[in-house]
N, C-alpha and C. Protein backbone atom coordinates (compact mmCIF):
# COMPACT_ATOMS: atom_id res chain seq x y z
N MET A 1 25.57 -12.57 23.24
CA MET A 1 24.63 -13.23 22.35
C MET A 1 23.23 -13.27 22.96
N LYS A 2 23.16 -13.54 24.27
CA LYS A 2 21.85 -13.59 24.92
C LYS A 2 21.15 -12.24 24.87
N LYS A 3 21.95 -11.16 24.99
CA LYS A 3 21.36 -9.83 24.93
C LYS A 3 20.74 -9.57 23.56
N VAL A 4 21.38 -10.04 22.53
CA VAL A 4 20.86 -9.85 21.18
C VAL A 4 19.55 -10.60 21.01
N VAL A 5 19.49 -11.84 21.50
CA VAL A 5 18.28 -12.64 21.39
C VAL A 5 17.14 -11.99 22.16
N VAL A 6 17.43 -11.54 23.37
CA VAL A 6 16.40 -10.88 24.18
C VAL A 6 15.92 -9.60 23.50
N ALA A 7 16.84 -8.83 22.96
CA ALA A 7 16.47 -7.59 22.27
C ALA A 7 15.59 -7.88 21.06
N LEU A 8 15.90 -8.92 20.31
CA LEU A 8 15.08 -9.29 19.16
C LEU A 8 13.69 -9.75 19.58
N LEU A 9 13.61 -10.49 20.67
CA LEU A 9 12.31 -10.93 21.16
C LEU A 9 11.45 -9.74 21.60
N VAL A 10 12.04 -8.82 22.32
CA VAL A 10 11.31 -7.63 22.76
C VAL A 10 10.86 -6.83 21.55
N LEU A 11 11.72 -6.66 20.57
CA LEU A 11 11.37 -5.92 19.37
C LEU A 11 10.22 -6.59 18.62
N SER A 12 10.23 -7.92 18.55
CA SER A 12 9.16 -8.62 17.84
C SER A 12 7.83 -8.48 18.57
N PHE A 13 7.86 -8.45 19.91
CA PHE A 13 6.63 -8.23 20.66
C PHE A 13 6.08 -6.83 20.42
N VAL A 14 6.94 -5.85 20.42
CA VAL A 14 6.51 -4.47 20.22
C VAL A 14 6.04 -4.27 18.79
N ALA A 15 6.72 -4.84 17.84
CA ALA A 15 6.38 -4.68 16.42
C ALA A 15 5.18 -5.52 16.02
N GLY A 16 4.78 -6.43 16.84
CA GLY A 16 3.70 -7.35 16.49
C GLY A 16 2.41 -6.68 16.11
N CYS A 17 2.11 -5.56 16.70
CA CYS A 17 0.86 -4.86 16.38
C CYS A 17 1.12 -3.60 15.58
N ALA A 18 2.26 -3.51 14.95
CA ALA A 18 2.62 -2.30 14.21
C ALA A 18 1.84 -2.15 12.91
N SER A 19 1.27 -3.22 12.39
CA SER A 19 0.58 -3.13 11.10
C SER A 19 -0.81 -2.53 11.20
N MET A 20 -1.20 -2.07 12.35
CA MET A 20 -2.54 -1.50 12.48
C MET A 20 -2.47 0.02 12.41
N ASP A 21 -2.04 0.54 11.26
CA ASP A 21 -1.86 1.96 11.05
C ASP A 21 -3.10 2.57 10.42
N ARG A 22 -3.92 3.21 11.21
CA ARG A 22 -5.19 3.80 10.73
C ARG A 22 -4.93 4.85 9.67
N GLN A 23 -3.96 5.72 9.89
CA GLN A 23 -3.67 6.79 8.94
C GLN A 23 -3.24 6.24 7.59
N GLY A 24 -2.48 5.17 7.60
CA GLY A 24 -2.05 4.54 6.35
C GLY A 24 -3.23 3.98 5.57
N LEU A 25 -4.19 3.40 6.28
CA LEU A 25 -5.39 2.87 5.62
C LEU A 25 -6.22 4.00 5.02
N LEU A 26 -6.36 5.09 5.76
CA LEU A 26 -7.12 6.23 5.25
C LEU A 26 -6.43 6.84 4.02
N ALA A 27 -5.10 6.94 4.09
CA ALA A 27 -4.34 7.49 2.96
C ALA A 27 -4.45 6.59 1.73
N ALA A 28 -4.66 5.29 1.95
CA ALA A 28 -4.80 4.35 0.84
C ALA A 28 -6.21 4.34 0.27
N GLY A 29 -7.11 5.14 0.86
CA GLY A 29 -8.44 5.27 0.31
C GLY A 29 -9.52 4.46 1.00
N TYR A 30 -9.19 3.79 2.10
CA TYR A 30 -10.20 3.04 2.83
C TYR A 30 -11.07 4.00 3.64
N SER A 31 -12.31 3.61 3.88
CA SER A 31 -13.22 4.44 4.67
C SER A 31 -12.78 4.46 6.13
N SER A 32 -13.21 5.48 6.86
CA SER A 32 -12.86 5.55 8.28
C SER A 32 -13.50 4.40 9.05
N GLU A 33 -14.68 3.95 8.62
CA GLU A 33 -15.33 2.81 9.29
C GLU A 33 -14.51 1.54 9.10
N TYR A 34 -14.03 1.32 7.87
CA TYR A 34 -13.19 0.15 7.60
C TYR A 34 -11.90 0.23 8.42
N ALA A 35 -11.27 1.41 8.41
CA ALA A 35 -10.00 1.58 9.13
C ALA A 35 -10.19 1.35 10.62
N ASP A 36 -11.27 1.85 11.20
CA ASP A 36 -11.54 1.61 12.61
C ASP A 36 -11.68 0.12 12.89
N GLY A 37 -12.44 -0.57 12.05
CA GLY A 37 -12.62 -2.01 12.21
C GLY A 37 -11.31 -2.77 12.05
N TYR A 38 -10.52 -2.37 11.06
CA TYR A 38 -9.24 -3.04 10.81
C TYR A 38 -8.31 -2.91 12.02
N VAL A 39 -8.21 -1.71 12.55
CA VAL A 39 -7.33 -1.48 13.72
C VAL A 39 -7.80 -2.33 14.91
N ASP A 40 -9.09 -2.33 15.18
CA ASP A 40 -9.62 -3.13 16.29
C ASP A 40 -9.41 -4.62 16.03
N GLY A 41 -9.68 -5.06 14.80
CA GLY A 41 -9.52 -6.46 14.45
C GLY A 41 -8.07 -6.90 14.50
N TYR A 42 -7.16 -6.04 14.08
CA TYR A 42 -5.74 -6.39 14.12
C TYR A 42 -5.27 -6.57 15.56
N SER A 43 -5.69 -5.68 16.43
CA SER A 43 -5.34 -5.81 17.85
C SER A 43 -5.91 -7.11 18.42
N ALA A 44 -7.16 -7.39 18.09
CA ALA A 44 -7.81 -8.62 18.58
C ALA A 44 -7.11 -9.86 18.03
N GLY A 45 -6.69 -9.81 16.77
CA GLY A 45 -6.00 -10.94 16.17
C GLY A 45 -4.65 -11.21 16.81
N CYS A 46 -3.92 -10.14 17.09
CA CYS A 46 -2.63 -10.29 17.80
C CYS A 46 -2.86 -10.91 19.17
N HIS A 47 -3.88 -10.41 19.86
CA HIS A 47 -4.21 -10.94 21.18
C HIS A 47 -4.58 -12.43 21.09
N ALA A 48 -5.40 -12.78 20.12
CA ALA A 48 -5.83 -14.17 19.95
C ALA A 48 -4.66 -15.09 19.62
N ALA A 49 -3.65 -14.54 18.95
CA ALA A 49 -2.48 -15.33 18.58
C ALA A 49 -1.46 -15.42 19.72
N GLY A 50 -1.72 -14.68 20.80
CA GLY A 50 -0.85 -14.77 21.97
C GLY A 50 0.05 -13.59 22.23
N HIS A 51 -0.12 -12.51 21.50
CA HIS A 51 0.71 -11.32 21.72
C HIS A 51 0.38 -10.72 23.09
N PRO A 52 1.37 -10.59 23.96
CA PRO A 52 1.11 -10.15 25.33
C PRO A 52 0.79 -8.66 25.47
N LEU A 53 1.06 -7.85 24.47
CA LEU A 53 0.84 -6.41 24.59
C LEU A 53 -0.43 -5.92 23.89
N CYS A 54 -1.12 -6.81 23.19
CA CYS A 54 -2.35 -6.42 22.49
C CYS A 54 -3.56 -6.92 23.26
N ARG A 55 -4.68 -6.24 23.02
CA ARG A 55 -5.90 -6.65 23.71
C ARG A 55 -6.99 -6.94 22.68
N PHE A 56 -7.94 -7.75 23.08
CA PHE A 56 -9.06 -8.07 22.20
C PHE A 56 -9.99 -6.88 22.17
N THR A 57 -10.19 -6.31 21.00
CA THR A 57 -11.01 -5.12 20.85
C THR A 57 -12.03 -5.34 19.74
N ARG A 58 -13.29 -5.11 20.07
CA ARG A 58 -14.35 -5.12 19.04
C ARG A 58 -15.53 -4.32 19.57
N ASN A 59 -15.96 -3.35 18.79
CA ASN A 59 -17.16 -2.58 19.10
C ASN A 59 -18.32 -3.43 18.59
N VAL A 60 -19.00 -4.11 19.50
CA VAL A 60 -20.03 -5.08 19.13
C VAL A 60 -21.17 -4.45 18.34
N VAL A 61 -21.61 -3.27 18.76
CA VAL A 61 -22.71 -2.61 18.06
C VAL A 61 -22.30 -2.28 16.63
N ARG A 62 -21.13 -1.70 16.47
CA ARG A 62 -20.65 -1.36 15.12
C ARG A 62 -20.41 -2.63 14.30
N TYR A 63 -19.88 -3.66 14.93
CA TYR A 63 -19.60 -4.91 14.23
C TYR A 63 -20.89 -5.50 13.66
N GLU A 64 -21.97 -5.41 14.41
CA GLU A 64 -23.25 -5.98 13.97
C GLU A 64 -24.00 -5.08 12.99
N GLN A 65 -23.80 -3.76 13.07
CA GLN A 65 -24.62 -2.84 12.28
C GLN A 65 -23.88 -2.16 11.12
N ASP A 66 -22.58 -2.12 11.15
CA ASP A 66 -21.80 -1.39 10.15
C ASP A 66 -21.00 -2.38 9.30
N ARG A 67 -21.40 -2.56 8.04
CA ARG A 67 -20.73 -3.55 7.18
C ARG A 67 -19.26 -3.21 6.95
N GLN A 68 -18.93 -1.94 6.83
CA GLN A 68 -17.53 -1.56 6.60
C GLN A 68 -16.67 -1.86 7.83
N TYR A 69 -17.17 -1.53 9.01
CA TYR A 69 -16.45 -1.85 10.25
C TYR A 69 -16.27 -3.37 10.36
N ASN A 70 -17.34 -4.11 10.11
CA ASN A 70 -17.32 -5.57 10.18
C ASN A 70 -16.28 -6.14 9.23
N HIS A 71 -16.28 -5.66 8.00
CA HIS A 71 -15.33 -6.16 7.00
C HIS A 71 -13.89 -5.82 7.41
N GLY A 72 -13.67 -4.59 7.86
CA GLY A 72 -12.34 -4.19 8.31
C GLY A 72 -11.88 -5.00 9.50
N TRP A 73 -12.79 -5.23 10.46
CA TRP A 73 -12.44 -6.01 11.65
C TRP A 73 -12.03 -7.42 11.25
N ASN A 74 -12.81 -8.05 10.41
CA ASN A 74 -12.49 -9.42 9.98
C ASN A 74 -11.17 -9.49 9.23
N ASP A 75 -10.92 -8.51 8.35
CA ASP A 75 -9.64 -8.48 7.63
C ASP A 75 -8.47 -8.28 8.59
N GLY A 76 -8.60 -7.32 9.49
CA GLY A 76 -7.52 -7.06 10.44
C GLY A 76 -7.25 -8.25 11.34
N PHE A 77 -8.30 -8.89 11.82
CA PHE A 77 -8.16 -10.05 12.70
C PHE A 77 -7.42 -11.18 11.99
N THR A 78 -7.83 -11.47 10.77
CA THR A 78 -7.21 -12.56 10.01
C THR A 78 -5.76 -12.27 9.69
N ILE A 79 -5.48 -11.06 9.24
CA ILE A 79 -4.11 -10.70 8.88
C ILE A 79 -3.20 -10.71 10.10
N ALA A 80 -3.69 -10.20 11.22
CA ALA A 80 -2.87 -10.16 12.44
C ALA A 80 -2.52 -11.57 12.91
N ARG A 81 -3.48 -12.46 12.89
CA ARG A 81 -3.20 -13.83 13.32
C ARG A 81 -2.16 -14.47 12.43
N CYS A 82 -2.24 -14.22 11.13
CA CYS A 82 -1.24 -14.77 10.19
C CYS A 82 0.13 -14.12 10.40
N ASP A 83 0.14 -12.79 10.55
CA ASP A 83 1.40 -12.07 10.77
C ASP A 83 2.09 -12.55 12.04
N TYR A 84 1.34 -12.61 13.12
CA TYR A 84 1.94 -12.97 14.41
C TYR A 84 2.36 -14.43 14.42
N ALA A 85 1.53 -15.30 13.86
CA ALA A 85 1.87 -16.73 13.80
C ALA A 85 3.12 -16.96 12.97
N ALA A 86 3.30 -16.16 11.90
CA ALA A 86 4.46 -16.32 11.04
C ALA A 86 5.76 -15.94 11.75
N MET A 87 5.66 -15.07 12.74
CA MET A 87 6.86 -14.69 13.50
C MET A 87 7.35 -15.82 14.38
N TRP A 88 6.47 -16.73 14.73
CA TRP A 88 6.84 -17.81 15.65
C TRP A 88 6.76 -19.11 14.94
């Protein structure tokens, strides 16, 4: 039973940042700038929520100058924090 619990915990840590699929966003019609921001924001959101395998990522210049990147980053960050928090 302990092995199953440990395996599920490891799987949840690995899957925690799985929703940051750039290719899926592009296929859905989002701009590459938005997709880049979303991927970075999702990683940062997982990190902020305590995910040990994700890192805080934000291209500051793009965040300040590119509205699509900024919007994608904010969306990814918010969704990741909600996704990761919901797991725990």
